[in-house]
Amino acid sequence: RCSGTEEKLMHRPKRILTVLILLGEAAVIVGGLATLFTVIDAAS
């Protein structure tokens, strides 16, 4: 099953996977900053 999944991923361009990973990391960073600013506003 693992080899079949890998084959499907290999057929797709790696650019898409890289972009998805970068978008995911960016979303986590933005979410963390938003939470941080919210906490700062609440504290002050």
PDB file of N, CA and C in Angstrom:
ATOM      1  N   ARG A   1       0.829  -1.205   0.000  1.00  0.00           N
ATOM      2  CA  ARG A   1       0.000   0.000   0.000  1.00  0.00           C
ATOM      3  C   ARG A   1       0.864   1.256   0.000  1.00  0.00           C
ATOM      4  N   CYS A   2       1.942   1.241   0.769  1.00  0.00           N
ATOM      5  CA  CYS A   2       2.822   2.406   0.854  1.00  0.00           C
ATOM      6  C   CYS A   2       3.454   2.698  -0.504  1.00  0.00           C
ATOM      7  N   SER A   3       3.905   1.626  -1.199  1.00  0.00           N
ATOM      8  CA  SER A   3       4.557   1.816  -2.495  1.00  0.00           C
ATOM      9  C   SER A   3       3.576   2.412  -3.499  1.00  0.00           C
ATOM     10  N   GLY A   4       2.302   1.998  -3.427  1.00  0.00           N
ATOM     11  CA  GLY A   4       1.289   2.527  -4.347  1.00  0.00           C
ATOM     12  C   GLY A   4       1.079   4.018  -4.115  1.00  0.00           C
ATOM     13  N   THR A   5       1.059   4.417  -2.843  1.00  0.00           N
ATOM     14  CA  THR A   5       0.877   5.828  -2.515  1.00  0.00           C
ATOM     15  C   THR A   5       2.068   6.641  -3.005  1.00  0.00           C
ATOM     16  N   GLU A   6       3.263   6.093  -2.827  1.00  0.00           N
ATOM     17  CA  GLU A   6       4.478   6.786  -3.265  1.00  0.00           C
ATOM     18  C   GLU A   6       4.472   6.967  -4.777  1.00  0.00           C
ATOM     19  N   GLU A   7       3.991   5.949  -5.494  1.00  0.00           N
ATOM     20  CA  GLU A   7       3.956   6.044  -6.953  1.00  0.00           C
ATOM     21  C   GLU A   7       3.017   7.162  -7.389  1.00  0.00           C
ATOM     22  N   LYS A   8       1.879   7.290  -6.714  1.00  0.00           N
ATOM     23  CA  LYS A   8       0.931   8.354  -7.056  1.00  0.00           C
ATOM     24  C   LYS A   8       1.554   9.721  -6.800  1.00  0.00           C
ATOM     25  N   LEU A   9       2.275   9.833  -5.685  1.00  0.00           N
ATOM     26  CA  LEU A   9       2.904  11.111  -5.353  1.00  0.00           C
ATOM     27  C   LEU A   9       4.010  11.444  -6.361  1.00  0.00           C
ATOM     28  N   MET A  10       4.722  10.436  -6.816  1.00  0.00           N
ATOM     29  CA  MET A  10       5.811  10.661  -7.764  1.00  0.00           C
ATOM     30  C   MET A  10       5.281  11.140  -9.106  1.00  0.00           C
ATOM     31  N   HIS A  11       4.078  10.710  -9.493  1.00  0.00           N
ATOM     32  CA  HIS A  11       3.501  11.138 -10.765  1.00  0.00           C
ATOM     33  C   HIS A  11       3.153  12.625 -10.718  1.00  0.00           C
ATOM     34  N   ARG A  12       2.810  13.115  -9.542  1.00  0.00           N
ATOM     35  CA  ARG A  12       2.473  14.536  -9.410  1.00  0.00           C
ATOM     36  C   ARG A  12       3.758  15.343  -9.312  1.00  0.00           C
ATOM     37  N   PRO A  13       3.727  16.577  -9.835  1.00  0.00           N
ATOM     38  CA  PRO A  13       4.925  17.428  -9.728  1.00  0.00           C
ATOM     39  C   PRO A  13       5.242  17.729  -8.266  1.00  0.00           C
ATOM     40  N   LYS A  14       6.515  17.720  -7.945  1.00  0.00           N
ATOM     41  CA  LYS A  14       6.910  17.976  -6.554  1.00  0.00           C
ATOM     42  C   LYS A  14       6.663  19.432  -6.167  1.00  0.00           C
ATOM     43  N   ARG A  15       6.522  20.306  -7.181  1.00  0.00           N
ATOM     44  CA  ARG A  15       6.273  21.726  -6.895  1.00  0.00           C
ATOM     45  C   ARG A  15       5.001  21.895  -6.083  1.00  0.00           C
ATOM     46  N   ILE A  16       3.950  21.150  -6.456  1.00  0.00           N
ATOM     47  CA  ILE A  16       2.662  21.261  -5.760  1.00  0.00           C
ATOM     48  C   ILE A  16       2.826  20.887  -4.293  1.00  0.00           C
ATOM     49  N   LEU A  17       3.533  19.791  -4.048  1.00  0.00           N
ATOM     50  CA  LEU A  17       3.744  19.334  -2.676  1.00  0.00           C
ATOM     51  C   LEU A  17       4.538  20.372  -1.887  1.00  0.00           C
ATOM     52  N   THR A  18       5.561  20.939  -2.519  1.00  0.00           N
ATOM     53  CA  THR A  18       6.381  21.955  -1.850  1.00  0.00           C
ATOM     54  C   THR A  18       5.547  23.185  -1.515  1.00  0.00           C
ATOM     55  N   VAL A  19       4.712  23.610  -2.476  1.00  0.00           N
ATOM     56  CA  VAL A  19       3.864  24.796  -2.254  1.00  0.00           C
ATOM     57  C   VAL A  19       2.886  24.539  -1.113  1.00  0.00           C
ATOM     58  N   LEU A  20       2.309  23.343  -1.080  1.00  0.00           N
ATOM     59  CA  LEU A  20       1.356  23.008  -0.012  1.00  0.00           C
ATOM     60  C   LEU A  20       2.039  23.043   1.349  1.00  0.00           C
ATOM     61  N   ILE A  21       3.266  22.523   1.410  1.00  0.00           N
ATOM     62  CA  ILE A  21       4.013  22.517   2.674  1.00  0.00           C
ATOM     63  C   ILE A  21       4.314  23.951   3.104  1.00  0.00           C
ATOM     64  N   LEU A  22       4.760  24.785   2.152  1.00  0.00           N
ATOM     65  CA  LEU A  22       5.071  26.175   2.465  1.00  0.00           C
ATOM     66  C   LEU A  22       3.821  26.918   2.925  1.00  0.00           C
ATOM     67  N   LEU A  23       2.693  26.676   2.254  1.00  0.00           N
ATOM     68  CA  LEU A  23       1.434  27.328   2.643  1.00  0.00           C
ATOM     69  C   LEU A  23       1.020  26.878   4.042  1.00  0.00           C
ATOM     70  N   GLY A  24       1.205  25.602   4.318  1.00  0.00           N
ATOM     71  CA  GLY A  24       0.856  25.082   5.638  1.00  0.00           C
ATOM     72  C   GLY A  24       1.703  25.723   6.723  1.00  0.00           C
ATOM     73  N   GLU A  25       3.007  25.836   6.476  1.00  0.00           N
ATOM     74  CA  GLU A  25       3.900  26.460   7.455  1.00  0.00           C
ATOM     75  C   GLU A  25       3.543  27.928   7.637  1.00  0.00           C
ATOM     76  N   ALA A  26       3.238  28.615   6.533  1.00  0.00           N
ATOM     77  CA  ALA A  26       2.867  30.031   6.590  1.00  0.00           C
ATOM     78  C   ALA A  26       1.582  30.207   7.401  1.00  0.00           C
ATOM     79  N   ALA A  27       0.623  29.304   7.201  1.00  0.00           N
ATOM     80  CA  ALA A  27      -0.646  29.380   7.929  1.00  0.00           C
ATOM     81  C   ALA A  27      -0.415  29.199   9.428  1.00  0.00           C
ATOM     82  N   VAL A  28       0.478  28.271   9.786  1.00  0.00           N
ATOM     83  CA  VAL A  28       0.783  28.029  11.200  1.00  0.00           C
ATOM     84  C   VAL A  28       1.444  29.264  11.810  1.00  0.00           C
ATOM     85  N   ILE A  29       2.384  29.862  11.072  1.00  0.00           N
ATOM     86  CA  ILE A  29       3.090  31.058  11.566  1.00  0.00           C
ATOM     87  C   ILE A  29       2.114  32.213  11.742  1.00  0.00           C
ATOM     88  N   VAL A  30       1.267  32.448  10.738  1.00  0.00           N
ATOM     89  CA  VAL A  30       0.282  33.536  10.809  1.00  0.00           C
ATOM     90  C   VAL A  30      -0.677  33.303  11.971  1.00  0.00           C
ATOM     91  N   GLY A  31      -1.121  32.049  12.127  1.00  0.00           N
ATOM     92  CA  GLY A  31      -2.030  31.727  13.223  1.00  0.00           C
ATOM     93  C   GLY A  31      -1.370  31.962  14.577  1.00  0.00           C
ATOM     94  N   GLY A  32      -0.105  31.590  14.682  1.00  0.00           N
ATOM     95  CA  GLY A  32       0.630  31.787  15.927  1.00  0.00           C
ATOM     96  C   GLY A  32       0.803  33.262  16.246  1.00  0.00           C
ATOM     97  N   LEU A  33       1.124  34.074  15.227  1.00  0.00           N
ATOM     98  CA  LEU A  33       1.281  35.519  15.420  1.00  0.00           C
ATOM     99  C   LEU A  33      -0.048  36.148  15.821  1.00  0.00           C
ATOM    100  N   ALA A  34      -1.138  35.729  15.165  1.00  0.00           N
ATOM    101  CA  ALA A  34      -2.461  36.267  15.489  1.00  0.00           C
ATOM    102  C   ALA A  34      -2.815  35.953  16.939  1.00  0.00           C
ATOM    103  N   THR A  35      -2.523  34.732  17.373  1.00  0.00           N
ATOM    104  CA  THR A  35      -2.796  34.335  18.759  1.00  0.00           C
ATOM    105  C   THR A  35      -1.933  35.149  19.714  1.00  0.00           C
ATOM    106  N   LEU A  36      -0.676  35.361  19.335  1.00  0.00           N
ATOM    107  CA  LEU A  36       0.249  36.116  20.176  1.00  0.00           C
ATOM    108  C   LEU A  36      -0.236  37.552  20.358  1.00  0.00           C
ATOM    109  N   PHE A  37      -0.637  38.190  19.247  1.00  0.00           N
ATOM    110  CA  PHE A  37      -1.130  39.565  19.325  1.00  0.00           C
ATOM    111  C   PHE A  37      -2.413  39.641  20.149  1.00  0.00           C
ATOM    112  N   THR A  38      -3.265  38.625  20.019  1.00  0.00           N
ATOM    113  CA  THR A  38      -4.522  38.597  20.786  1.00  0.00           C
ATOM    114  C   THR A  38      -4.221  38.521  22.282  1.00  0.00           C
ATOM    115  N   VAL A  39      -3.246  37.685  22.650  1.00  0.00           N
ATOM    116  CA  VAL A  39      -2.862  37.545  24.055  1.00  0.00           C
ATOM    117  C   VAL A  39      -2.281  38.859  24.576  1.00  0.00           C
ATOM    118  N   ILE A  40      -1.456  39.512  23.760  1.00  0.00           N
ATOM    119  CA  ILE A  40      -0.844  40.790  24.160  1.00  0.00           C
ATOM    120  C   ILE A  40      -1.933  41.848  24.369  1.00  0.00           C
ATOM    121  N   ASP A  41      -2.900  41.903  23.449  1.00  0.00           N
ATOM    122  CA  ASP A  41      -3.991  42.875  23.570  1.00  0.00           C
ATOM    123  C   ASP A  41      -4.810  42.589  24.822  1.00  0.00           C
ATOM    124  N   ALA A  42      -5.048  41.318  25.093  1.00  0.00           N
ATOM    125  CA  ALA A  42      -5.839  40.948  26.264  1.00  0.00           C
ATOM    126  C   ALA A  42      -5.081  41.292  27.546  1.00  0.00           C
ATOM    127  N   ALA A  43      -3.763  41.121  27.537  1.00  0.00           N
ATOM    128  CA  ALA A  43      -2.951  41.384  28.715  1.00  0.00           C
ATOM    129  C   ALA A  43      -2.885  42.885  29.005  1.00  0.00           C
ATOM    130  N   SER A  44      -2.840  43.686  27.954  1.00  0.00           N
ATOM    131  CA  SER A  44      -2.722  45.140  28.129  1.00  0.00           C
ATOM    132  C   SER A  44      -4.102  45.785  28.108  1.00  0.00           C
TER     133      SER A  44
END
